[in-house]
C-alpha cells in the first residue's frame, strides 16, 4: 500500500499549475476536464504516478475561493538546499512566510511558502537511507 495523491481545491488552475511547476519544479502529469461535473483535475508530481505520490489540483468551474480550515497543516517538499530553494522561490514571486533557518524545536533547516490559494508548503532537506 502507498499514498496515491493528495487533493487540493484551487481557485485559478493555471496560476496553481504555474506555482507547482515553476516554483517547486513539479511536472504536470495529466489534466482532464469533466464537463458534466463542471470541474477540471490536474495531477502534478516529481515522477510517474506508478512510482510516486502525486498532487491533485481540483478546479471547480466558477468557484473563486475556499476556506483552508484549521485542520490542514502543510505539504512538505524535500529539496536539496532549503536556502537555495527559498531564494529561487522568491525569484519566481512566491510568498515566503518563514525564511529558511533552523526550526524552533531542533536543528532541521526549514522554510515555508504559500501557494496561490494560501496553502502552506514546507521546504526541508531530508536524507533517506
N, C-alpha and C. Protein backbone atom coordinates (compact mmCIF):
# COMPACT_ATOMS: atom_id res chain seq x y z
N UNK A 1 0.83 -1.18 0.00
CA UNK A 1 0.00 0.00 0.00
C UNK A 1 0.88 1.25 0.00
N UNK A 2 0.33 2.32 -0.56
CA UNK A 2 1.03 3.60 -0.54
C UNK A 2 0.01 4.71 -0.76
N UNK A 3 0.37 5.93 -0.42
CA UNK A 3 -0.48 7.07 -0.69
C UNK A 3 -0.38 7.38 -2.18
N UNK A 4 -1.51 7.52 -2.86
CA UNK A 4 -1.52 7.81 -4.29
C UNK A 4 -1.41 9.30 -4.57
N UNK A 5 -2.27 10.10 -3.91
CA UNK A 5 -2.23 11.53 -4.14
C UNK A 5 -2.88 12.27 -2.99
N UNK A 6 -2.62 13.57 -2.94
CA UNK A 6 -3.29 14.50 -2.04
C UNK A 6 -4.02 15.49 -2.91
N UNK A 7 -5.26 15.82 -2.57
CA UNK A 7 -6.07 16.71 -3.39
C UNK A 7 -6.24 18.07 -2.72
N UNK A 8 -6.05 19.13 -3.51
CA UNK A 8 -6.32 20.50 -3.07
C UNK A 8 -7.30 21.14 -4.04
N UNK A 9 -8.28 21.85 -3.52
CA UNK A 9 -9.18 22.64 -4.37
C UNK A 9 -8.52 23.99 -4.61
N UNK A 10 -8.52 24.42 -5.88
CA UNK A 10 -7.85 25.67 -6.23
C UNK A 10 -8.80 26.60 -6.96
N UNK A 11 -8.52 27.90 -6.86
CA UNK A 11 -9.42 28.90 -7.46
C UNK A 11 -8.98 29.33 -8.86
N UNK A 12 -7.71 29.14 -9.21
CA UNK A 12 -7.20 29.50 -10.53
C UNK A 12 -6.22 28.40 -10.94
N UNK A 13 -6.70 27.47 -11.76
CA UNK A 13 -5.91 26.29 -12.09
C UNK A 13 -4.59 26.64 -12.77
N UNK A 14 -4.62 27.56 -13.73
CA UNK A 14 -3.39 27.93 -14.44
C UNK A 14 -2.35 28.52 -13.49
N UNK A 15 -2.80 29.38 -12.60
CA UNK A 15 -1.89 30.01 -11.64
C UNK A 15 -1.31 28.97 -10.68
N UNK A 16 -2.14 28.02 -10.26
CA UNK A 16 -1.66 26.97 -9.36
C UNK A 16 -0.69 26.03 -10.05
N UNK A 17 -1.00 25.64 -11.29
CA UNK A 17 -0.09 24.78 -12.04
C UNK A 17 1.25 25.49 -12.22
N UNK A 18 1.23 26.77 -12.52
CA UNK A 18 2.47 27.54 -12.68
C UNK A 18 3.27 27.53 -11.38
N UNK A 19 2.62 27.70 -10.24
CA UNK A 19 3.31 27.70 -8.95
C UNK A 19 4.01 26.37 -8.72
N UNK A 20 3.27 25.29 -8.85
CA UNK A 20 3.83 23.98 -8.55
C UNK A 20 4.88 23.52 -9.56
N UNK A 21 4.78 23.96 -10.80
CA UNK A 21 5.77 23.57 -11.80
C UNK A 21 6.97 24.51 -11.80
N UNK A 22 6.73 25.82 -11.78
CA UNK A 22 7.82 26.79 -11.89
C UNK A 22 8.53 27.04 -10.57
N UNK A 23 7.80 27.09 -9.47
CA UNK A 23 8.41 27.38 -8.17
C UNK A 23 8.94 26.10 -7.52
N UNK A 24 8.15 25.02 -7.58
CA UNK A 24 8.54 23.79 -6.89
C UNK A 24 9.08 22.70 -7.81
N UNK A 25 9.11 22.94 -9.11
CA UNK A 25 9.73 22.01 -10.03
C UNK A 25 8.97 20.73 -10.31
N UNK A 26 7.68 20.70 -10.00
CA UNK A 26 6.88 19.52 -10.32
C UNK A 26 6.59 19.50 -11.82
N UNK A 27 6.09 18.37 -12.29
CA UNK A 27 5.69 18.21 -13.68
C UNK A 27 4.19 18.00 -13.74
N UNK A 28 3.55 18.59 -14.73
CA UNK A 28 2.14 18.31 -14.96
C UNK A 28 2.06 16.92 -15.56
N UNK A 29 1.49 15.98 -14.83
CA UNK A 29 1.44 14.59 -15.26
C UNK A 29 0.24 14.30 -16.16
N UNK A 30 -0.89 14.90 -15.81
CA UNK A 30 -2.09 14.75 -16.62
C UNK A 30 -3.12 15.77 -16.17
N UNK A 31 -4.03 16.08 -17.08
CA UNK A 31 -5.09 17.06 -16.80
C UNK A 31 -6.31 16.67 -17.62
N UNK A 32 -7.50 16.78 -17.01
CA UNK A 32 -8.72 16.41 -17.73
C UNK A 32 -9.89 17.25 -17.25
N UNK A 33 -10.69 17.72 -18.22
CA UNK A 33 -11.94 18.44 -17.92
C UNK A 33 -13.08 17.42 -17.78
N UNK A 34 -13.99 17.71 -16.87
CA UNK A 34 -15.18 16.89 -16.66
C UNK A 34 -16.40 17.80 -16.81
N UNK A 35 -16.84 18.05 -18.06
CA UNK A 35 -17.93 19.00 -18.31
C UNK A 35 -19.23 18.67 -17.57
N UNK A 36 -19.57 17.40 -17.45
CA UNK A 36 -20.82 17.04 -16.75
C UNK A 36 -20.76 17.44 -15.28
N UNK A 37 -19.58 17.35 -14.69
CA UNK A 37 -19.43 17.73 -13.28
C UNK A 37 -18.94 19.15 -13.10
N UNK A 38 -18.60 19.83 -14.19
CA UNK A 38 -18.10 21.20 -14.18
C UNK A 38 -16.87 21.37 -13.30
N UNK A 39 -15.88 20.48 -13.53
CA UNK A 39 -14.61 20.61 -12.83
C UNK A 39 -13.49 20.08 -13.71
N UNK A 40 -12.25 20.47 -13.35
CA UNK A 40 -11.05 20.01 -14.03
C UNK A 40 -10.10 19.46 -12.98
N UNK A 41 -9.46 18.34 -13.31
CA UNK A 41 -8.45 17.76 -12.43
C UNK A 41 -7.09 17.86 -13.12
N UNK A 42 -6.09 18.24 -12.36
CA UNK A 42 -4.71 18.26 -12.84
C UNK A 42 -3.87 17.53 -11.80
N UNK A 43 -3.05 16.59 -12.28
CA UNK A 43 -2.17 15.83 -11.39
C UNK A 43 -0.74 16.25 -11.66
N UNK A 44 -0.01 16.58 -10.58
CA UNK A 44 1.36 17.03 -10.68
C UNK A 44 2.23 16.19 -9.77
N UNK A 45 3.50 16.12 -10.08
CA UNK A 45 4.42 15.38 -9.23
C UNK A 45 5.83 15.43 -9.75
N UNK A 46 6.68 14.65 -9.08
CA UNK A 46 8.10 14.61 -9.43
C UNK A 46 8.48 13.38 -10.23
N UNK A 47 7.51 12.53 -10.51
CA UNK A 47 7.77 11.32 -11.29
C UNK A 47 6.45 10.64 -11.61
N UNK A 48 6.53 9.58 -12.36
CA UNK A 48 5.33 8.85 -12.80
C UNK A 48 4.49 8.41 -11.60
N UNK A 49 3.18 8.49 -11.77
CA UNK A 49 2.26 8.13 -10.69
C UNK A 49 2.38 6.66 -10.30
N UNK A 50 2.86 5.82 -11.20
CA UNK A 50 3.03 4.40 -10.88
C UNK A 50 4.02 4.20 -9.73
N UNK A 51 4.96 5.14 -9.59
CA UNK A 51 6.02 5.01 -8.59
C UNK A 51 6.08 6.13 -7.56
N UNK A 52 5.31 7.20 -7.77
CA UNK A 52 5.42 8.39 -6.92
C UNK A 52 4.05 8.89 -6.51
N UNK A 53 3.99 9.53 -5.36
CA UNK A 53 2.77 10.18 -4.92
C UNK A 53 2.58 11.46 -5.74
N UNK A 54 1.33 11.78 -6.05
CA UNK A 54 1.02 12.96 -6.86
C UNK A 54 0.22 13.96 -6.04
N UNK A 55 0.16 15.17 -6.56
CA UNK A 55 -0.69 16.22 -6.01
C UNK A 55 -1.81 16.44 -7.02
N UNK A 56 -3.04 16.28 -6.57
CA UNK A 56 -4.22 16.50 -7.43
C UNK A 56 -4.77 17.89 -7.15
N UNK A 57 -4.82 18.73 -8.18
CA UNK A 57 -5.45 20.05 -8.07
C UNK A 57 -6.83 19.94 -8.70
N UNK A 58 -7.85 20.33 -7.94
CA UNK A 58 -9.22 20.29 -8.43
C UNK A 58 -9.72 21.71 -8.60
N UNK A 59 -10.12 22.03 -9.83
CA UNK A 59 -10.72 23.34 -10.10
C UNK A 59 -12.19 23.12 -10.40
N UNK A 60 -13.05 23.61 -9.51
CA UNK A 60 -14.50 23.58 -9.72
C UNK A 60 -14.86 24.84 -10.47
N UNK A 61 -15.35 24.66 -11.68
CA UNK A 61 -15.61 25.79 -12.57
C UNK A 61 -16.47 26.85 -11.89
N UNK A 62 -15.99 28.08 -11.91
CA UNK A 62 -16.75 29.21 -11.36
C UNK A 62 -16.53 29.44 -9.87
N UNK A 63 -15.84 28.56 -9.18
CA UNK A 63 -15.57 28.73 -7.75
C UNK A 63 -14.29 29.53 -7.59
N UNK A 64 -14.37 30.68 -6.91
CA UNK A 64 -13.21 31.57 -6.87
C UNK A 64 -12.43 31.57 -5.56
N UNK A 65 -12.96 30.95 -4.51
CA UNK A 65 -12.16 30.90 -3.28
C UNK A 65 -12.65 29.79 -2.35
N UNK A 66 -11.77 29.39 -1.46
CA UNK A 66 -12.05 28.34 -0.49
C UNK A 66 -11.50 28.76 0.86
N UNK A 67 -12.10 28.23 1.91
CA UNK A 67 -11.54 28.40 3.24
C UNK A 67 -10.65 27.20 3.49
N UNK A 68 -9.42 27.44 3.90
CA UNK A 68 -8.49 26.34 4.11
C UNK A 68 -8.86 25.52 5.34
N UNK A 69 -9.35 26.14 6.37
CA UNK A 69 -9.73 25.41 7.57
C UNK A 69 -8.59 25.30 8.56
N UNK A 70 -8.92 24.91 9.76
CA UNK A 70 -7.91 24.83 10.81
C UNK A 70 -7.29 23.44 10.94
N UNK A 71 -7.83 22.45 10.26
CA UNK A 71 -7.29 21.10 10.35
C UNK A 71 -6.12 20.85 9.42
N UNK A 72 -6.06 21.58 8.32
CA UNK A 72 -4.97 21.39 7.36
C UNK A 72 -3.69 22.03 7.87
N UNK A 73 -2.57 21.32 7.72
CA UNK A 73 -1.29 21.87 8.15
C UNK A 73 -0.49 22.38 6.98
N UNK A 74 0.18 21.48 6.27
CA UNK A 74 1.03 21.88 5.15
C UNK A 74 1.38 20.67 4.31
N UNK A 75 1.95 20.95 3.14
CA UNK A 75 2.53 19.92 2.29
C UNK A 75 4.05 20.10 2.41
N UNK A 76 4.77 19.00 2.65
CA UNK A 76 6.23 19.07 2.76
C UNK A 76 6.86 18.64 1.45
N UNK A 77 7.85 19.41 1.00
CA UNK A 77 8.59 19.11 -0.22
C UNK A 77 10.07 19.02 0.14
N UNK A 78 10.67 17.89 -0.20
CA UNK A 78 12.09 17.68 0.06
C UNK A 78 12.91 18.37 -1.03
N UNK A 79 13.86 19.21 -0.62
CA UNK A 79 14.72 19.92 -1.56
C UNK A 79 16.18 19.67 -1.18
N UNK A 80 17.08 19.85 -2.13
CA UNK A 80 18.50 19.62 -1.87
C UNK A 80 19.06 20.65 -0.89
N UNK A 81 18.66 21.92 -1.05
CA UNK A 81 19.18 23.01 -0.22
C UNK A 81 18.03 23.98 0.06
N UNK A 82 17.62 24.06 1.30
CA UNK A 82 16.47 24.90 1.68
C UNK A 82 16.73 26.37 1.40
N UNK A 83 17.92 26.84 1.70
CA UNK A 83 18.25 28.25 1.46
C UNK A 83 18.16 28.57 -0.03
N UNK A 84 18.74 27.72 -0.85
CA UNK A 84 18.72 27.94 -2.30
C UNK A 84 17.30 27.84 -2.85
N UNK A 85 16.54 26.85 -2.40
CA UNK A 85 15.17 26.69 -2.88
C UNK A 85 14.31 27.88 -2.49
N UNK A 86 14.52 28.43 -1.30
CA UNK A 86 13.77 29.60 -0.86
C UNK A 86 14.12 30.81 -1.72
N UNK A 87 15.39 30.99 -2.00
CA UNK A 87 15.82 32.11 -2.85
C UNK A 87 15.21 31.99 -4.24
N UNK A 88 15.21 30.78 -4.80
CA UNK A 88 14.63 30.57 -6.13
C UNK A 88 13.12 30.81 -6.12
N UNK A 89 12.45 30.40 -5.04
CA UNK A 89 11.01 30.63 -4.93
C UNK A 89 10.71 32.12 -4.91
N UNK A 90 11.51 32.90 -4.17
CA UNK A 90 11.35 34.35 -4.13
C UNK A 90 11.51 34.96 -5.52
N UNK A 91 12.53 34.48 -6.25
CA UNK A 91 12.78 34.99 -7.61
C UNK A 91 11.58 34.73 -8.52
N UNK A 92 10.84 33.65 -8.25
CA UNK A 92 9.66 33.31 -9.05
C UNK A 92 8.41 34.06 -8.55
N UNK A 93 8.56 34.85 -7.48
CA UNK A 93 7.44 35.63 -6.96
C UNK A 93 6.62 34.92 -5.91
N UNK A 94 7.12 33.80 -5.40
CA UNK A 94 6.37 33.07 -4.37
C UNK A 94 6.39 33.85 -3.05
N UNK A 95 5.33 33.68 -2.29
CA UNK A 95 5.24 34.32 -0.97
C UNK A 95 5.93 33.44 0.06
N UNK A 96 7.01 33.94 0.65
CA UNK A 96 7.73 33.22 1.70
C UNK A 96 7.17 33.69 3.04
N UNK A 97 6.64 32.77 3.81
CA UNK A 97 6.05 33.15 5.10
C UNK A 97 6.95 32.82 6.28
N UNK A 98 7.98 32.01 6.02
CA UNK A 98 9.03 31.77 7.02
C UNK A 98 10.32 31.55 6.26
N UNK A 99 11.27 32.41 6.51
CA UNK A 99 12.57 32.30 5.84
C UNK A 99 13.27 31.01 6.24
N UNK A 100 14.19 30.55 5.42
CA UNK A 100 14.95 29.35 5.72
C UNK A 100 15.77 29.55 6.99
N UNK A 101 15.75 28.55 7.84
CA UNK A 101 16.51 28.58 9.09
C UNK A 101 16.12 27.40 9.94
N UNK A 102 16.81 27.24 11.04
CA UNK A 102 16.56 26.11 11.94
C UNK A 102 15.16 26.21 12.54
N UNK A 103 14.50 25.07 12.61
CA UNK A 103 13.18 25.06 13.24
C UNK A 103 13.33 25.38 14.72
N UNK A 104 12.27 25.89 15.33
CA UNK A 104 12.38 26.39 16.70
C UNK A 104 12.59 25.29 17.74
N UNK A 105 12.32 24.03 17.42
CA UNK A 105 12.45 22.96 18.40
C UNK A 105 13.56 21.98 18.01
N UNK A 106 14.46 22.39 17.15
CA UNK A 106 15.51 21.48 16.71
C UNK A 106 16.46 22.17 15.76
N UNK A 107 17.24 21.36 15.04
CA UNK A 107 18.22 21.96 14.14
C UNK A 107 17.92 21.69 12.67
N UNK A 108 16.78 21.11 12.36
CA UNK A 108 16.40 20.89 10.97
C UNK A 108 16.14 22.24 10.30
N UNK A 109 16.70 22.44 9.11
CA UNK A 109 16.51 23.68 8.37
C UNK A 109 15.22 23.57 7.57
N UNK A 110 14.33 24.54 7.75
CA UNK A 110 13.04 24.56 7.07
C UNK A 110 12.73 25.97 6.58
N UNK A 111 11.79 26.05 5.66
CA UNK A 111 11.22 27.33 5.21
C UNK A 111 9.77 27.02 4.84
N UNK A 112 8.94 28.06 4.80
CA UNK A 112 7.55 27.89 4.41
C UNK A 112 7.16 28.92 3.35
N UNK A 113 6.42 28.43 2.36
CA UNK A 113 5.85 29.25 1.30
C UNK A 113 4.34 29.15 1.37
N UNK A 114 3.66 30.06 0.66
CA UNK A 114 2.22 29.93 0.44
C UNK A 114 2.00 29.78 -1.04
N UNK A 115 1.10 28.86 -1.42
CA UNK A 115 0.75 28.73 -2.83
C UNK A 115 -0.29 29.78 -3.16
N UNK A 116 -0.73 29.90 -4.42
CA UNK A 116 -1.68 30.96 -4.78
C UNK A 116 -3.00 30.94 -4.02
N UNK A 117 -3.39 29.80 -3.46
CA UNK A 117 -4.63 29.73 -2.69
C UNK A 117 -4.40 29.83 -1.20
N UNK A 118 -3.16 29.99 -0.76
CA UNK A 118 -2.87 30.14 0.65
C UNK A 118 -2.47 28.85 1.36
N UNK A 119 -2.36 27.74 0.64
CA UNK A 119 -1.91 26.50 1.26
C UNK A 119 -0.43 26.63 1.59
N UNK A 120 -0.04 26.15 2.77
CA UNK A 120 1.35 26.26 3.19
C UNK A 120 2.17 25.09 2.65
N UNK A 121 3.38 25.41 2.18
CA UNK A 121 4.30 24.44 1.64
C UNK A 121 5.58 24.54 2.47
N UNK A 122 5.97 23.44 3.11
CA UNK A 122 7.21 23.40 3.87
C UNK A 122 8.33 22.88 2.98
N UNK A 123 9.43 23.58 2.97
CA UNK A 123 10.63 23.12 2.27
C UNK A 123 11.59 22.60 3.31
N UNK A 124 12.11 21.39 3.13
CA UNK A 124 13.10 20.85 4.03
C UNK A 124 14.03 19.92 3.28
N UNK A 125 15.17 19.66 3.84
CA UNK A 125 16.14 18.78 3.21
C UNK A 125 16.28 17.56 4.09
N UNK A 126 15.80 16.43 3.59
CA UNK A 126 15.83 15.19 4.37
C UNK A 126 16.52 14.13 3.55
N UNK A 127 17.45 13.44 4.18
CA UNK A 127 18.13 12.35 3.51
C UNK A 127 17.51 11.04 3.97
N UNK A 128 17.30 10.14 3.05
CA UNK A 128 16.71 8.84 3.35
C UNK A 128 17.76 7.76 3.20
N UNK A 129 17.76 6.79 4.07
CA UNK A 129 18.72 5.67 3.98
C UNK A 129 18.26 4.64 2.99
